[in-house]
Amino acid sequence: MAKIIIKMYATIREKFKEEKVDIESSTILEAVRKLVDEYPILKEEVLDEDLNLKNDYIYLLNGRNVEFLQKGDTPLKDGDKISIFPPVAGG
């Protein structure tokens, strides 16, 4: 298990009111599920109905989009930082 940091941005952070959370986990998906276990208010924000990463959210590992890594199965190591961004519309 790796000790990592999860940071949330935009509307997630507005609801959650925390700047960052320290979690111990082996993969991205496991880390997000543990985050939801500790803070159930985030469940509908960051996970879909099957408890997988929401497709329309952006999950970064150390600044790299996990879609281009191994998605939720991306392994973690000590000191990694996960950033979660909700979908944003503009125009």
PDB file of N, CA and C in Angstrom:
ATOM      1  N   MET A   1       0.842  -1.193   0.000  1.00  0.00           N
ATOM      2  CA  MET A   1       0.000   0.000   0.000  1.00  0.00           C
ATOM      3  C   MET A   1       0.878   1.244   0.000  1.00  0.00           C
ATOM      4  N   ALA A   2       0.505   2.174  -0.822  1.00  0.00           N
ATOM      5  CA  ALA A   2       1.241   3.424  -0.928  1.00  0.00           C
ATOM      6  C   ALA A   2       0.501   4.526  -0.178  1.00  0.00           C
ATOM      7  N   LYS A   3       1.248   5.428   0.411  1.00  0.00           N
ATOM      8  CA  LYS A   3       0.663   6.617   1.037  1.00  0.00           C
ATOM      9  C   LYS A   3       0.618   7.703  -0.016  1.00  0.00           C
ATOM     10  N   ILE A   4      -0.600   8.149  -0.318  1.00  0.00           N
ATOM     11  CA  ILE A   4      -0.791   9.135  -1.385  1.00  0.00           C
ATOM     12  C   ILE A   4      -1.660  10.290  -0.892  1.00  0.00           C
ATOM     13  N   ILE A   5      -1.757  11.316  -1.738  1.00  0.00           N
ATOM     14  CA  ILE A   5      -2.589  12.485  -1.454  1.00  0.00           C
ATOM     15  C   ILE A   5      -3.629  12.605  -2.560  1.00  0.00           C
ATOM     16  N   ILE A   6      -4.874  12.869  -2.168  1.00  0.00           N
ATOM     17  CA  ILE A   6      -5.933  13.139  -3.139  1.00  0.00           C
ATOM     18  C   ILE A   6      -6.374  14.591  -2.960  1.00  0.00           C
ATOM     19  N   LYS A   7      -6.389  15.327  -4.077  1.00  0.00           N
ATOM     20  CA  LYS A   7      -6.885  16.704  -4.072  1.00  0.00           C
ATOM     21  C   LYS A   7      -8.089  16.777  -5.004  1.00  0.00           C
ATOM     22  N   MET A   8      -9.092  17.538  -4.584  1.00  0.00           N
ATOM     23  CA  MET A   8     -10.294  17.713  -5.383  1.00  0.00           C
ATOM     24  C   MET A   8     -10.431  19.180  -5.779  1.00  0.00           C
ATOM     25  N   TYR A   9     -11.018  19.411  -6.932  1.00  0.00           N
ATOM     26  CA  TYR A   9     -11.118  20.765  -7.456  1.00  0.00           C
ATOM     27  C   TYR A   9     -12.544  21.112  -7.852  1.00  0.00           C
ATOM     28  N   ALA A  10     -12.767  22.397  -8.030  1.00  0.00           N
ATOM     29  CA  ALA A  10     -14.039  22.956  -8.525  1.00  0.00           C
ATOM     30  C   ALA A  10     -15.220  22.565  -7.647  1.00  0.00           C
ATOM     31  N   THR A  11     -16.303  22.070  -8.260  1.00  0.00           N
ATOM     32  CA  THR A  11     -17.533  21.815  -7.502  1.00  0.00           C
ATOM     33  C   THR A  11     -17.369  20.728  -6.452  1.00  0.00           C
ATOM     34  N   ILE A  12     -16.471  19.780  -6.671  1.00  0.00           N
ATOM     35  CA  ILE A  12     -16.255  18.738  -5.662  1.00  0.00           C
ATOM     36  C   ILE A  12     -15.705  19.382  -4.394  1.00  0.00           C
ATOM     37  N   ARG A  13     -14.725  20.232  -4.555  1.00  0.00           N
ATOM     38  CA  ARG A  13     -14.099  20.870  -3.398  1.00  0.00           C
ATOM     39  C   ARG A  13     -15.088  21.789  -2.688  1.00  0.00           C
ATOM     40  N   GLU A  14     -15.946  22.445  -3.429  1.00  0.00           N
ATOM     41  CA  GLU A  14     -16.947  23.322  -2.816  1.00  0.00           C
ATOM     42  C   GLU A  14     -17.858  22.528  -1.888  1.00  0.00           C
ATOM     43  N   LYS A  15     -18.253  21.333  -2.295  1.00  0.00           N
ATOM     44  CA  LYS A  15     -19.113  20.496  -1.457  1.00  0.00           C
ATOM     45  C   LYS A  15     -18.344  19.863  -0.308  1.00  0.00           C
ATOM     46  N   PHE A  16     -17.098  19.477  -0.566  1.00  0.00           N
ATOM     47  CA  PHE A  16     -16.328  18.703   0.391  1.00  0.00           C
ATOM     48  C   PHE A  16     -15.628  19.565   1.429  1.00  0.00           C
ATOM     49  N   LYS A  17     -15.168  20.733   1.058  1.00  0.00           N
ATOM     50  CA  LYS A  17     -14.537  21.694   1.961  1.00  0.00           C
ATOM     51  C   LYS A  17     -13.162  21.267   2.481  1.00  0.00           C
ATOM     52  N   GLU A  18     -12.562  20.238   1.899  1.00  0.00           N
ATOM     53  CA  GLU A  18     -11.228  19.803   2.287  1.00  0.00           C
ATOM     54  C   GLU A  18     -10.262  20.127   1.161  1.00  0.00           C
ATOM     55  N   GLU A  19      -9.064  20.540   1.513  1.00  0.00           N
ATOM     56  CA  GLU A  19      -8.072  20.826   0.480  1.00  0.00           C
ATOM     57  C   GLU A  19      -7.466  19.542  -0.067  1.00  0.00           C
ATOM     58  N   LYS A  20      -7.126  18.614   0.841  1.00  0.00           N
ATOM     59  CA  LYS A  20      -6.539  17.350   0.402  1.00  0.00           C
ATOM     60  C   LYS A  20      -6.815  16.281   1.449  1.00  0.00           C
ATOM     61  N   VAL A  21      -6.678  15.030   1.030  1.00  0.00           N
ATOM     62  CA  VAL A  21      -6.900  13.890   1.915  1.00  0.00           C
ATOM     63  C   VAL A  21      -5.749  12.913   1.714  1.00  0.00           C
ATOM     64  N   ASP A  22      -5.210  12.394   2.809  1.00  0.00           N
ATOM     65  CA  ASP A  22      -4.172  11.371   2.741  1.00  0.00           C
ATOM     66  C   ASP A  22      -4.835  10.000   2.805  1.00  0.00           C
ATOM     67  N   ILE A  23      -4.441   9.110   1.914  1.00  0.00           N
ATOM     68  CA  ILE A  23      -5.029   7.769   1.809  1.00  0.00           C
ATOM     69  C   ILE A  23      -3.885   6.770   1.592  1.00  0.00           C
ATOM     70  N   GLU A  24      -4.093   5.545   2.042  1.00  0.00           N
ATOM     71  CA  GLU A  24      -3.175   4.453   1.708  1.00  0.00           C
ATOM     72  C   GLU A  24      -3.900   3.527   0.750  1.00  0.00           C
ATOM     73  N   SER A  25      -3.269   3.253  -0.406  1.00  0.00           N
ATOM     74  CA  SER A  25      -3.932   2.453  -1.425  1.00  0.00           C
ATOM     75  C   SER A  25      -2.920   1.895  -2.415  1.00  0.00           C
ATOM     76  N   SER A  26      -3.368   0.909  -3.207  1.00  0.00           N
ATOM     77  CA  SER A  26      -2.507   0.284  -4.217  1.00  0.00           C
ATOM     78  C   SER A  26      -2.808   0.761  -5.638  1.00  0.00           C
ATOM     79  N   THR A  27      -4.080   1.157  -5.888  1.00  0.00           N
ATOM     80  CA  THR A  27      -4.469   1.610  -7.234  1.00  0.00           C
ATOM     81  C   THR A  27      -5.323   2.874  -7.130  1.00  0.00           C
ATOM     82  N   ILE A  28      -5.489   3.518  -8.265  1.00  0.00           N
ATOM     83  CA  ILE A  28      -6.332   4.721  -8.326  1.00  0.00           C
ATOM     84  C   ILE A  28      -7.755   4.407  -7.865  1.00  0.00           C
ATOM     85  N   LEU A  29      -8.363   3.379  -8.428  1.00  0.00           N
ATOM     86  CA  LEU A  29      -9.748   3.051  -8.088  1.00  0.00           C
ATOM     87  C   LEU A  29      -9.891   2.729  -6.607  1.00  0.00           C
ATOM     88  N   GLU A  30      -8.970   1.953  -6.072  1.00  0.00           N
ATOM     89  CA  GLU A  30      -9.024   1.625  -4.649  1.00  0.00           C
ATOM     90  C   GLU A  30      -8.924   2.888  -3.801  1.00  0.00           C
ATOM     91  N   ALA A  31      -8.071   3.817  -4.203  1.00  0.00           N
ATOM     92  CA  ALA A  31      -7.911   5.068  -3.458  1.00  0.00           C
ATOM     93  C   ALA A  31      -9.205   5.878  -3.462  1.00  0.00           C
ATOM     94  N   VAL A  32      -9.853   5.986  -4.615  1.00  0.00           N
ATOM     95  CA  VAL A  32     -11.091   6.754  -4.709  1.00  0.00           C
ATOM     96  C   VAL A  32     -12.207   6.066  -3.919  1.00  0.00           C
ATOM     97  N   ARG A  33     -12.252   4.749  -3.964  1.00  0.00           N
ATOM     98  CA  ARG A  33     -13.253   4.026  -3.165  1.00  0.00           C
ATOM     99  C   ARG A  33     -13.014   4.227  -1.666  1.00  0.00           C
ATOM    100  N   LYS A  34     -11.768   4.228  -1.235  1.00  0.00           N
ATOM    101  CA  LYS A  34     -11.465   4.479   0.179  1.00  0.00           C
ATOM    102  C   LYS A  34     -11.839   5.907   0.559  1.00  0.00           C
ATOM    103  N   LEU A  35     -11.615   6.848  -0.345  1.00  0.00           N
ATOM    104  CA  LEU A  35     -12.016   8.234  -0.115  1.00  0.00           C
ATOM    105  C   LEU A  35     -13.521   8.294   0.135  1.00  0.00           C
ATOM    106  N   VAL A  36     -14.296   7.600  -0.694  1.00  0.00           N
ATOM    107  CA  VAL A  36     -15.754   7.575  -0.557  1.00  0.00           C
ATOM    108  C   VAL A  36     -16.171   6.879   0.741  1.00  0.00           C
ATOM    109  N   ASP A  37     -15.446   5.827   1.132  1.00  0.00           N
ATOM    110  CA  ASP A  37     -15.752   5.158   2.401  1.00  0.00           C
ATOM    111  C   ASP A  37     -15.602   6.119   3.580  1.00  0.00           C
ATOM    112  N   GLU A  38     -14.556   6.948   3.528  1.00  0.00           N
ATOM    113  CA  GLU A  38     -14.312   7.904   4.612  1.00  0.00           C
ATOM    114  C   GLU A  38     -15.224   9.116   4.536  1.00  0.00           C
ATOM    115  N   TYR A  39     -15.592   9.503   3.318  1.00  0.00           N
ATOM    116  CA  TYR A  39     -16.394  10.704   3.094  1.00  0.00           C
ATOM    117  C   TYR A  39     -17.541  10.379   2.133  1.00  0.00           C
ATOM    118  N   PRO A  40     -18.608   9.727   2.625  1.00  0.00           N
ATOM    119  CA  PRO A  40     -19.717   9.283   1.764  1.00  0.00           C
ATOM    120  C   PRO A  40     -20.365  10.389   0.943  1.00  0.00           C
ATOM    121  N   ILE A  41     -20.240  11.638   1.357  1.00  0.00           N
ATOM    122  CA  ILE A  41     -20.829  12.745   0.600  1.00  0.00           C
ATOM    123  C   ILE A  41     -20.266  12.802  -0.821  1.00  0.00           C
ATOM    124  N   LEU A  42     -19.096  12.204  -1.034  1.00  0.00           N
ATOM    125  CA  LEU A  42     -18.453  12.247  -2.348  1.00  0.00           C
ATOM    126  C   LEU A  42     -18.864  11.111  -3.277  1.00  0.00           C
ATOM    127  N   LYS A  43     -19.601  10.125  -2.773  1.00  0.00           N
ATOM    128  CA  LYS A  43     -19.902   8.929  -3.562  1.00  0.00           C
ATOM    129  C   LYS A  43     -20.473   9.259  -4.932  1.00  0.00           C
ATOM    130  N   GLU A  44     -21.543  10.004  -4.981  1.00  0.00           N
ATOM    131  CA  GLU A  44     -22.177  10.323  -6.260  1.00  0.00           C
ATOM    132  C   GLU A  44     -21.353  11.297  -7.089  1.00  0.00           C
ATOM    133  N   GLU A  45     -20.410  11.964  -6.450  1.00  0.00           N
ATOM    134  CA  GLU A  45     -19.566  12.916  -7.162  1.00  0.00           C
ATOM    135  C   GLU A  45     -18.478  12.224  -7.979  1.00  0.00           C
ATOM    136  N   VAL A  46     -17.841  11.195  -7.411  1.00  0.00           N
ATOM    137  CA  VAL A  46     -16.634  10.648  -8.043  1.00  0.00           C
ATOM    138  C   VAL A  46     -16.760   9.213  -8.547  1.00  0.00           C
ATOM    139  N   LEU A  47     -17.824   8.501  -8.170  1.00  0.00           N
ATOM    140  CA  LEU A  47     -18.011   7.117  -8.611  1.00  0.00           C
ATOM    141  C   LEU A  47     -19.360   6.943  -9.293  1.00  0.00           C
ATOM    142  N   ASP A  48     -19.400   6.035 -10.273  1.00  0.00           N
ATOM    143  CA  ASP A  48     -20.680   5.747 -10.919  1.00  0.00           C
ATOM    144  C   ASP A  48     -21.450   4.713 -10.095  1.00  0.00           C
ATOM    145  N   GLU A  49     -22.581   4.251 -10.612  1.00  0.00           N
ATOM    146  CA  GLU A  49     -23.435   3.336  -9.858  1.00  0.00           C
ATOM    147  C   GLU A  49     -22.784   1.968  -9.627  1.00  0.00           C
ATOM    148  N   ASP A  50     -21.772   1.622 -10.437  1.00  0.00           N
ATOM    149  CA  ASP A  50     -21.050   0.360 -10.263  1.00  0.00           C
ATOM    150  C   ASP A  50     -19.775   0.529  -9.431  1.00  0.00           C
ATOM    151  N   LEU A  51     -19.639   1.691  -8.801  1.00  0.00           N
ATOM    152  CA  LEU A  51     -18.480   2.035  -7.972  1.00  0.00           C
ATOM    153  C   LEU A  51     -17.176   2.066  -8.761  1.00  0.00           C
ATOM    154  N   ASN A  52     -17.264   2.479 -10.026  1.00  0.00           N
ATOM    155  CA  ASN A  52     -16.092   2.703 -10.867  1.00  0.00           C
ATOM    156  C   ASN A  52     -15.907   4.209 -11.052  1.00  0.00           C
ATOM    157  N   LEU A  53     -14.750   4.598 -11.554  1.00  0.00           N
ATOM    158  CA  LEU A  53     -14.492   6.020 -11.797  1.00  0.00           C
ATOM    159  C   LEU A  53     -15.495   6.551 -12.802  1.00  0.00           C
ATOM    160  N   LYS A  54     -16.054   7.736 -12.515  1.00  0.00           N
ATOM    161  CA  LYS A  54     -16.995   8.351 -13.456  1.00  0.00           C
ATOM    162  C   LYS A  54     -16.250   8.713 -14.739  1.00  0.00           C
ATOM    163  N   ASN A  55     -16.862   8.371 -15.881  1.00  0.00           N
ATOM    164  CA  ASN A  55     -16.212   8.600 -17.173  1.00  0.00           C
ATOM    165  C   ASN A  55     -16.035  10.062 -17.535  1.00  0.00           C
ATOM    166  N   ASP A  56     -16.930  10.914 -17.067  1.00  0.00           N
ATOM    167  CA  ASP A  56     -16.854  12.314 -17.460  1.00  0.00           C
ATOM    168  C   ASP A  56     -15.980  13.156 -16.531  1.00  0.00           C
ATOM    169  N   TYR A  57     -15.431  12.559 -15.495  1.00  0.00           N
ATOM    170  CA  TYR A  57     -14.508  13.261 -14.600  1.00  0.00           C
ATOM    171  C   TYR A  57     -13.088  13.046 -15.083  1.00  0.00           C
ATOM    172  N   ILE A  58     -12.191  13.932 -14.676  1.00  0.00           N
ATOM    173  CA  ILE A  58     -10.775  13.790 -15.014  1.00  0.00           C
ATOM    174  C   ILE A  58     -10.028  13.407 -13.750  1.00  0.00           C
ATOM    175  N   TYR A  59      -9.291  12.301 -13.826  1.00  0.00           N
ATOM    176  CA  TYR A  59      -8.484  11.807 -12.715  1.00  0.00           C
ATOM    177  C   TYR A  59      -7.033  11.869 -13.161  1.00  0.00           C
ATOM    178  N   LEU A  60      -6.239  12.655 -12.457  1.00  0.00           N
ATOM    179  CA  LEU A  60      -4.827  12.791 -12.795  1.00  0.00           C
ATOM    180  C   LEU A  60      -3.975  12.122 -11.727  1.00  0.00           C
ATOM    181  N   LEU A  61      -2.916  11.469 -12.159  1.00  0.00           N
ATOM    182  CA  LEU A  61      -1.916  10.921 -11.250  1.00  0.00           C
ATOM    183  C   LEU A  61      -0.628  11.665 -11.536  1.00  0.00           C
ATOM    184  N   ASN A  62      -0.204  12.467 -10.578  1.00  0.00           N
ATOM    185  CA  ASN A  62       1.007  13.277 -10.743  1.00  0.00           C
ATOM    186  C   ASN A  62       0.967  14.087 -12.044  1.00  0.00           C
ATOM    187  N   GLY A  63      -0.223  14.615 -12.362  1.00  0.00           N
ATOM    188  CA  GLY A  63      -0.396  15.467 -13.528  1.00  0.00           C
ATOM    189  C   GLY A  63      -0.678  14.731 -14.831  1.00  0.00           C
ATOM    190  N   ARG A  64      -0.721  13.407 -14.816  1.00  0.00           N
ATOM    191  CA  ARG A  64      -0.995  12.626 -16.025  1.00  0.00           C
ATOM    192  C   ARG A  64      -2.384  12.010 -15.942  1.00  0.00           C
ATOM    193  N   ASN A  65      -3.150  12.154 -17.009  1.00  0.00           N
ATOM    194  CA  ASN A  65      -4.505  11.624 -17.061  1.00  0.00           C
ATOM    195  C   ASN A  65      -4.459  10.098 -16.999  1.00  0.00           C
ATOM    196  N   VAL A  66      -5.200   9.511 -16.044  1.00  0.00           N
ATOM    197  CA  VAL A  66      -5.172   8.052 -15.883  1.00  0.00           C
ATOM    198  C   VAL A  66      -5.788   7.331 -17.083  1.00  0.00           C
ATOM    199  N   GLU A  67      -6.540   8.035 -17.931  1.00  0.00           N
ATOM    200  CA  GLU A  67      -7.084   7.438 -19.153  1.00  0.00           C
ATOM    201  C   GLU A  67      -5.956   6.964 -20.065  1.00  0.00           C
ATOM    202  N   PHE A  68      -4.788   7.607 -19.967  1.00  0.00           N
ATOM    203  CA  PHE A  68      -3.647   7.252 -20.803  1.00  0.00           C
ATOM    204  C   PHE A  68      -2.653   6.365 -20.062  1.00  0.00           C
ATOM    205  N   LEU A  69      -3.007   5.971 -18.856  1.00  0.00           N
ATOM    206  CA  LEU A  69      -2.196   5.045 -18.072  1.00  0.00           C
ATOM    207  C   LEU A  69      -2.981   3.728 -18.028  1.00  0.00           C
ATOM    208  N   GLN A  70      -3.278   3.233 -16.844  1.00  0.00           N
ATOM    209  CA  GLN A  70      -4.057   1.996 -16.730  1.00  0.00           C
ATOM    210  C   GLN A  70      -5.426   2.260 -16.103  1.00  0.00           C
ATOM    211  N   LYS A  71      -5.923   3.486 -16.302  1.00  0.00           N
ATOM    212  CA  LYS A  71      -7.219   3.908 -15.759  1.00  0.00           C
ATOM    213  C   LYS A  71      -7.303   3.628 -14.260  1.00  0.00           C
ATOM    214  N   GLY A  72      -8.383   3.035 -13.776  1.00  0.00           N
ATOM    215  CA  GLY A  72      -8.542   2.777 -12.347  1.00  0.00           C
ATOM    216  C   GLY A  72      -7.544   1.781 -11.789  1.00  0.00           C
ATOM    217  N   ASP A  73      -6.968   0.961 -12.665  1.00  0.00           N
ATOM    218  CA  ASP A  73      -6.000  -0.052 -12.231  1.00  0.00           C
ATOM    219  C   ASP A  73      -4.572   0.489 -12.156  1.00  0.00           C
ATOM    220  N   THR A  74      -4.394   1.770 -12.407  1.00  0.00           N
ATOM    221  CA  THR A  74      -3.057   2.359 -12.357  1.00  0.00           C
ATOM    222  C   THR A  74      -2.470   2.183 -10.961  1.00  0.00           C
ATOM    223  N   PRO A  75      -1.288   1.551 -10.863  1.00  0.00           N
ATOM    224  CA  PRO A  75      -0.672   1.344  -9.543  1.00  0.00           C
ATOM    225  C   PRO A  75      -0.146   2.643  -8.946  1.00  0.00           C
ATOM    226  N   LEU A  76      -0.105   2.677  -7.631  1.00  0.00           N
ATOM    227  CA  LEU A  76       0.366   3.856  -6.904  1.00  0.00           C
ATOM    228  C   LEU A  76       1.639   3.547  -6.132  1.00  0.00           C
ATOM    229  N   LYS A  77       2.423   4.615  -5.883  1.00  0.00           N
ATOM    230  CA  LYS A  77       3.598   4.483  -5.031  1.00  0.00           C
ATOM    231  C   LYS A  77       3.588   5.622  -4.022  1.00  0.00           C
ATOM    232  N   ASP A  78       4.347   5.464  -2.948  1.00  0.00           N
ATOM    233  CA  ASP A  78       4.392   6.490  -1.905  1.00  0.00           C
ATOM    234  C   ASP A  78       4.655   7.868  -2.499  1.00  0.00           C
ATOM    235  N   GLY A  79       3.887   8.845  -2.021  1.00  0.00           N
ATOM    236  CA  GLY A  79       4.069  10.233  -2.433  1.00  0.00           C
ATOM    237  C   GLY A  79       3.299  10.645  -3.668  1.00  0.00           C
ATOM    238  N   ASP A  80       2.604   9.700  -4.322  1.00  0.00           N
ATOM    239  CA  ASP A  80       1.820  10.048  -5.506  1.00  0.00           C
ATOM    240  C   ASP A  80       0.695  11.013  -5.128  1.00  0.00           C
ATOM    241  N   LYS A  81       0.275  11.791  -6.117  1.00  0.00           N
ATOM    242  CA  LYS A  81      -0.814  12.751  -5.912  1.00  0.00           C
ATOM    243  C   LYS A  81      -1.884  12.516  -6.966  1.00  0.00           C
ATOM    244  N   ILE A  82      -3.110  12.267  -6.494  1.00  0.00           N
ATOM    245  CA  ILE A  82      -4.259  12.126  -7.379  1.00  0.00           C
ATOM    246  C   ILE A  82      -5.046  13.432  -7.330  1.00  0.00           C
ATOM    247  N   SER A  83      -5.366  13.960  -8.504  1.00  0.00           N
ATOM    248  CA  SER A  83      -6.197  15.164  -8.602  1.00  0.00           C
ATOM    249  C   SER A  83      -7.489  14.773  -9.317  1.00  0.00           C
ATOM    250  N   ILE A  84      -8.620  15.229  -8.785  1.00  0.00           N
ATOM    251  CA  ILE A  84      -9.922  14.891  -9.366  1.00  0.00           C
ATOM    252  C   ILE A  84     -10.631  16.178  -9.786  1.00  0.00           C
ATOM    253  N   PHE A  85     -11.006  16.227 -11.070  1.00  0.00           N
ATOM    254  CA  PHE A  85     -11.700  17.386 -11.614  1.00  0.00           C
ATOM    255  C   PHE A  85     -13.055  16.960 -12.167  1.00  0.00           C
ATOM    256  N   PRO A  86     -14.141  17.655 -11.802  1.00  0.00           N
ATOM    257  CA  PRO A  86     -15.451  17.338 -12.378  1.00  0.00           C
ATOM    258  C   PRO A  86     -15.530  17.881 -13.795  1.00  0.00           C
ATOM    259  N   PRO A  87     -16.541  17.438 -14.565  1.00  0.00           N
ATOM    260  CA  PRO A  87     -16.703  17.982 -15.914  1.00  0.00           C
ATOM    261  C   PRO A  87     -17.008  19.482 -15.840  1.00  0.00           C
ATOM    262  N   VAL A  88     -16.486  20.195 -16.814  1.00  0.00           N
ATOM    263  CA  VAL A  88     -16.685  21.643 -16.853  1.00  0.00           C
ATOM    264  C   VAL A  88     -17.190  22.018 -18.224  1.00  0.00           C
ATOM    265  N   ALA A  89     -18.199  22.856 -18.264  1.00  0.00           N
ATOM    266  CA  ALA A  89     -18.735  23.339 -19.541  1.00  0.00           C
ATOM    267  C   ALA A  89     -18.368  24.807 -19.685  1.00  0.00           C
ATOM    268  N   GLY A  90     -18.168  25.192 -20.874  1.00  0.00           N
ATOM    269  CA  GLY A  90     -17.832  26.599 -21.107  1.00  0.00           C
ATOM    270  C   GLY A  90     -18.394  27.055 -22.426  1.00  0.00           C
ATOM    271  N   GLY A  91     -18.139  28.272 -22.683  1.00  0.00           N
ATOM    272  CA  GLY A  91     -18.638  28.709 -23.980  1.00  0.00           C
ATOM    273  C   GLY A  91     -18.650  30.115 -24.071  1.00  0.00           C
TER     274      GLY A  91
END
